[in-house]
Amino acid sequence: MNHVVTLQDAVTAFADWKEPTSAELDAIEQEMPLILADVDLLDVQIVTLDRTPTELDERRLRRARRRALAERTALANRTAATVSLPGGAA
C-alpha cells in the first residue's frame, strides 16, 4: 500500500507571503524573450483555429515559429555560455 504524504514546503511554496528569490526573478527575466515569442506564436495559432489559414496567416505562423525557435536557440546559447565545465575543459 502506498501512503500519500504531503510535504509542507510543497504545500506552502506558493503562499502569499513567500516572494520569489532574486535568482528566480533573474531566471524569469532571462527567459522573457522566449516567453513573449511563445505567446505570439500561440496568438497566431489561436487566430487560425476556426478557419482555413490564408497565405498571410501562413506567413505569420512561419514568422512566429522562426522567432520562437531563434529565441530558444539564443536562450540555450546564453545558458551554455554561463555554465562552466569542471576541470578546465572547454
N, C-alpha and C. Protein backbone atom coordinates (compact mmCIF):
# COMPACT_ATOMS: atom_id res chain seq x y z
N MET A 1 0.84 -1.18 0.00
CA MET A 1 0.00 0.00 0.00
C MET A 1 0.89 1.24 0.00
N ASN A 2 0.59 2.16 -0.88
CA ASN A 2 1.33 3.41 -0.96
C ASN A 2 0.62 4.47 -0.13
N HIS A 3 1.38 5.16 0.68
CA HIS A 3 0.82 6.22 1.50
C HIS A 3 1.04 7.56 0.81
N VAL A 4 0.03 8.38 0.83
CA VAL A 4 0.14 9.72 0.26
C VAL A 4 0.56 10.66 1.38
N VAL A 5 1.69 11.30 1.18
CA VAL A 5 2.23 12.20 2.19
C VAL A 5 2.43 13.57 1.55
N THR A 6 1.92 14.61 2.17
CA THR A 6 2.16 15.96 1.67
C THR A 6 3.35 16.55 2.38
N LEU A 7 4.13 17.26 1.63
CA LEU A 7 5.30 17.94 2.20
C LEU A 7 4.94 19.39 2.46
N GLN A 8 5.28 19.89 3.61
CA GLN A 8 4.92 21.25 3.99
C GLN A 8 5.49 22.26 3.01
N ASP A 9 6.73 22.06 2.55
CA ASP A 9 7.33 23.00 1.61
C ASP A 9 6.57 23.02 0.29
N ALA A 10 6.13 21.86 -0.16
CA ALA A 10 5.39 21.81 -1.41
C ALA A 10 4.03 22.47 -1.28
N VAL A 11 3.43 22.34 -0.12
CA VAL A 11 2.10 22.92 0.10
C VAL A 11 2.18 24.44 0.23
N THR A 12 3.20 24.92 0.89
CA THR A 12 3.29 26.37 1.14
C THR A 12 4.22 27.08 0.15
N ALA A 13 4.65 26.39 -0.89
CA ALA A 13 5.60 27.01 -1.82
C ALA A 13 5.02 28.24 -2.50
N PHE A 14 3.71 28.29 -2.67
CA PHE A 14 3.10 29.41 -3.37
C PHE A 14 2.24 30.26 -2.44
N ALA A 15 2.59 30.30 -1.19
CA ALA A 15 1.85 31.11 -0.23
C ALA A 15 2.03 32.59 -0.56
N ASP A 16 1.05 33.40 -0.18
CA ASP A 16 1.08 34.82 -0.48
C ASP A 16 2.30 35.52 0.10
N TRP A 17 2.76 35.08 1.24
CA TRP A 17 3.84 35.77 1.92
C TRP A 17 5.21 35.37 1.40
N LYS A 18 5.28 34.37 0.58
CA LYS A 18 6.57 33.88 0.10
C LYS A 18 6.87 34.51 -1.26
N GLU A 19 7.89 35.32 -1.31
CA GLU A 19 8.26 36.04 -2.53
C GLU A 19 9.32 35.24 -3.29
N PRO A 20 9.39 35.43 -4.62
CA PRO A 20 10.45 34.77 -5.38
C PRO A 20 11.81 35.36 -5.03
N THR A 21 12.81 34.52 -5.12
CA THR A 21 14.16 34.99 -4.81
C THR A 21 14.68 35.81 -5.99
N SER A 22 15.76 36.50 -5.76
CA SER A 22 16.34 37.30 -6.84
C SER A 22 16.87 36.39 -7.95
N ALA A 23 17.34 35.20 -7.61
CA ALA A 23 17.80 34.26 -8.63
C ALA A 23 16.64 33.81 -9.51
N GLU A 24 15.48 33.57 -8.89
CA GLU A 24 14.30 33.18 -9.67
C GLU A 24 13.84 34.32 -10.57
N LEU A 25 13.86 35.53 -10.07
CA LEU A 25 13.49 36.69 -10.87
C LEU A 25 14.46 36.90 -12.03
N ASP A 26 15.75 36.67 -11.79
CA ASP A 26 16.74 36.79 -12.85
C ASP A 26 16.52 35.73 -13.93
N ALA A 27 16.15 34.51 -13.51
CA ALA A 27 15.89 33.44 -14.47
C ALA A 27 14.67 33.78 -15.33
N ILE A 28 13.64 34.33 -14.70
CA ILE A 28 12.45 34.74 -15.46
C ILE A 28 12.80 35.85 -16.44
N GLU A 29 13.58 36.81 -15.99
CA GLU A 29 13.99 37.91 -16.85
C GLU A 29 14.79 37.41 -18.05
N GLN A 30 15.65 36.42 -17.82
CA GLN A 30 16.46 35.87 -18.91
C GLN A 30 15.58 35.10 -19.91
N GLU A 31 14.52 34.47 -19.44
CA GLU A 31 13.64 33.70 -20.31
C GLU A 31 12.50 34.54 -20.92
N MET A 32 12.38 35.78 -20.55
CA MET A 32 11.26 36.60 -21.01
C MET A 32 11.16 36.73 -22.54
N PRO A 33 12.25 36.90 -23.30
CA PRO A 33 12.10 36.96 -24.76
C PRO A 33 11.48 35.67 -25.33
N LEU A 34 11.85 34.53 -24.79
CA LEU A 34 11.27 33.26 -25.23
C LEU A 34 9.80 33.16 -24.85
N ILE A 35 9.47 33.60 -23.67
CA ILE A 35 8.07 33.58 -23.22
C ILE A 35 7.22 34.45 -24.15
N LEU A 36 7.69 35.64 -24.47
CA LEU A 36 6.93 36.53 -25.34
C LEU A 36 6.82 35.97 -26.77
N ALA A 37 7.88 35.32 -27.26
CA ALA A 37 7.82 34.71 -28.59
C ALA A 37 6.82 33.55 -28.61
N ASP A 38 6.77 32.77 -27.54
CA ASP A 38 5.81 31.67 -27.46
C ASP A 38 4.38 32.20 -27.38
N VAL A 39 4.17 33.31 -26.68
CA VAL A 39 2.84 33.91 -26.59
C VAL A 39 2.40 34.40 -27.98
N ASP A 40 3.31 35.02 -28.70
CA ASP A 40 2.98 35.47 -30.06
C ASP A 40 2.64 34.29 -30.97
N LEU A 41 3.38 33.19 -30.84
CA LEU A 41 3.09 32.00 -31.63
C LEU A 41 1.71 31.45 -31.29
N LEU A 42 1.39 31.41 -30.00
CA LEU A 42 0.06 30.94 -29.59
C LEU A 42 -1.04 31.85 -30.12
N ASP A 43 -0.81 33.15 -30.12
CA ASP A 43 -1.80 34.09 -30.65
C ASP A 43 -2.10 33.80 -32.13
N VAL A 44 -1.06 33.56 -32.91
CA VAL A 44 -1.25 33.27 -34.33
C VAL A 44 -1.97 31.94 -34.50
N GLN A 45 -1.60 30.94 -33.70
CA GLN A 45 -2.26 29.64 -33.79
C GLN A 45 -3.73 29.74 -33.41
N ILE A 46 -4.05 30.53 -32.42
CA ILE A 46 -5.45 30.68 -31.99
C ILE A 46 -6.28 31.35 -33.08
N VAL A 47 -5.70 32.34 -33.75
CA VAL A 47 -6.42 33.03 -34.81
C VAL A 47 -6.80 32.06 -35.93
N THR A 48 -5.94 31.10 -36.21
CA THR A 48 -6.19 30.20 -37.34
C THR A 48 -6.94 28.93 -36.95
N LEU A 49 -7.40 28.81 -35.72
CA LEU A 49 -8.09 27.59 -35.28
C LEU A 49 -9.44 27.37 -35.97
N ASP A 50 -10.20 28.41 -36.12
CA ASP A 50 -11.57 28.24 -36.60
C ASP A 50 -11.76 28.57 -38.07
N ARG A 51 -10.68 28.67 -38.81
CA ARG A 51 -10.80 28.95 -40.24
C ARG A 51 -9.61 28.35 -40.98
N THR A 52 -9.75 28.28 -42.27
CA THR A 52 -8.63 27.83 -43.10
C THR A 52 -7.62 28.97 -43.18
N PRO A 53 -6.36 28.70 -42.84
CA PRO A 53 -5.37 29.78 -42.86
C PRO A 53 -5.17 30.33 -44.27
N THR A 54 -5.13 31.63 -44.36
CA THR A 54 -4.83 32.29 -45.62
C THR A 54 -3.32 32.31 -45.83
N GLU A 55 -2.90 32.81 -46.96
CA GLU A 55 -1.46 32.90 -47.21
C GLU A 55 -0.80 33.83 -46.20
N LEU A 56 -1.48 34.90 -45.85
CA LEU A 56 -0.95 35.82 -44.84
C LEU A 56 -0.84 35.14 -43.48
N ASP A 57 -1.86 34.35 -43.11
CA ASP A 57 -1.81 33.61 -41.84
C ASP A 57 -0.63 32.64 -41.82
N GLU A 58 -0.41 31.96 -42.94
CA GLU A 58 0.70 31.01 -43.01
C GLU A 58 2.04 31.71 -42.86
N ARG A 59 2.17 32.91 -43.45
CA ARG A 59 3.41 33.68 -43.28
C ARG A 59 3.60 34.11 -41.83
N ARG A 60 2.52 34.57 -41.21
CA ARG A 60 2.60 34.96 -39.79
C ARG A 60 2.98 33.78 -38.92
N LEU A 61 2.41 32.62 -39.22
CA LEU A 61 2.71 31.42 -38.45
C LEU A 61 4.18 31.02 -38.62
N ARG A 62 4.68 31.04 -39.85
CA ARG A 62 6.09 30.71 -40.08
C ARG A 62 7.01 31.70 -39.38
N ARG A 63 6.66 32.98 -39.45
CA ARG A 63 7.47 34.01 -38.81
C ARG A 63 7.49 33.82 -37.28
N ALA A 64 6.33 33.52 -36.72
CA ALA A 64 6.25 33.31 -35.26
C ALA A 64 7.02 32.06 -34.85
N ARG A 65 6.94 31.01 -35.65
CA ARG A 65 7.70 29.78 -35.34
C ARG A 65 9.19 30.04 -35.41
N ARG A 66 9.63 30.76 -36.44
CA ARG A 66 11.06 31.07 -36.57
C ARG A 66 11.54 31.92 -35.40
N ARG A 67 10.73 32.88 -34.99
CA ARG A 67 11.12 33.75 -33.87
C ARG A 67 11.23 32.94 -32.58
N ALA A 68 10.25 32.05 -32.34
CA ALA A 68 10.28 31.23 -31.13
C ALA A 68 11.50 30.31 -31.14
N LEU A 69 11.79 29.72 -32.29
CA LEU A 69 12.96 28.85 -32.41
C LEU A 69 14.25 29.63 -32.20
N ALA A 70 14.32 30.83 -32.75
CA ALA A 70 15.51 31.66 -32.58
C ALA A 70 15.70 32.04 -31.11
N GLU A 71 14.62 32.34 -30.42
CA GLU A 71 14.72 32.69 -29.00
C GLU A 71 15.12 31.48 -28.17
N ARG A 72 14.62 30.29 -28.52
CA ARG A 72 15.04 29.07 -27.82
C ARG A 72 16.53 28.83 -28.01
N THR A 73 17.00 29.01 -29.23
CA THR A 73 18.42 28.83 -29.52
C THR A 73 19.26 29.85 -28.76
N ALA A 74 18.83 31.09 -28.76
CA ALA A 74 19.57 32.14 -28.05
C ALA A 74 19.61 31.86 -26.55
N LEU A 75 18.49 31.41 -25.98
CA LEU A 75 18.46 31.09 -24.56
C LEU A 75 19.39 29.92 -24.25
N ALA A 76 19.37 28.90 -25.09
CA ALA A 76 20.25 27.75 -24.88
C ALA A 76 21.72 28.16 -24.97
N ASN A 77 22.03 29.04 -25.91
CA ASN A 77 23.41 29.52 -26.04
C ASN A 77 23.83 30.37 -24.84
N ARG A 78 22.91 31.23 -24.36
CA ARG A 78 23.23 32.04 -23.18
C ARG A 78 23.44 31.15 -21.96
N THR A 79 22.60 30.14 -21.82
CA THR A 79 22.71 29.24 -20.68
C THR A 79 23.99 28.43 -20.77
N ALA A 80 24.32 27.94 -21.95
CA ALA A 80 25.54 27.16 -22.13
C ALA A 80 26.78 28.00 -21.90
N ALA A 81 26.73 29.28 -22.24
CA ALA A 81 27.88 30.16 -22.07
C ALA A 81 28.14 30.46 -20.59
N THR A 82 27.08 30.43 -19.78
CA THR A 82 27.27 30.75 -18.36
C THR A 82 27.68 29.53 -17.54
N VAL A 83 27.50 28.34 -18.08
CA VAL A 83 27.86 27.12 -17.36
C VAL A 83 29.30 26.81 -17.67
N SER A 84 30.11 26.65 -16.62
CA SER A 84 31.50 26.29 -16.83
C SER A 84 31.70 24.81 -16.51
N LEU A 85 32.50 24.18 -17.30
CA LEU A 85 32.76 22.76 -17.10
C LEU A 85 33.84 22.58 -16.05
N PRO A 86 33.73 21.56 -15.22
CA PRO A 86 34.74 21.34 -14.19
C PRO A 86 36.05 20.85 -14.82
N GLY A 87 37.15 21.14 -14.17
CA GLY A 87 38.43 20.67 -14.63
C GLY A 87 39.04 21.49 -15.74
N GLY A 88 38.45 22.61 -16.07
CA GLY A 88 39.01 23.48 -17.09
C GLY A 88 38.78 22.99 -18.49
N ALA A 89 37.86 22.05 -18.68
CA ALA A 89 37.57 21.55 -20.03
C ALA A 89 36.83 22.63 -20.81
N ALA A 90 37.14 22.70 -22.06
CA ALA A 90 36.50 23.71 -22.91
C ALA A 90 35.35 23.15 -23.69
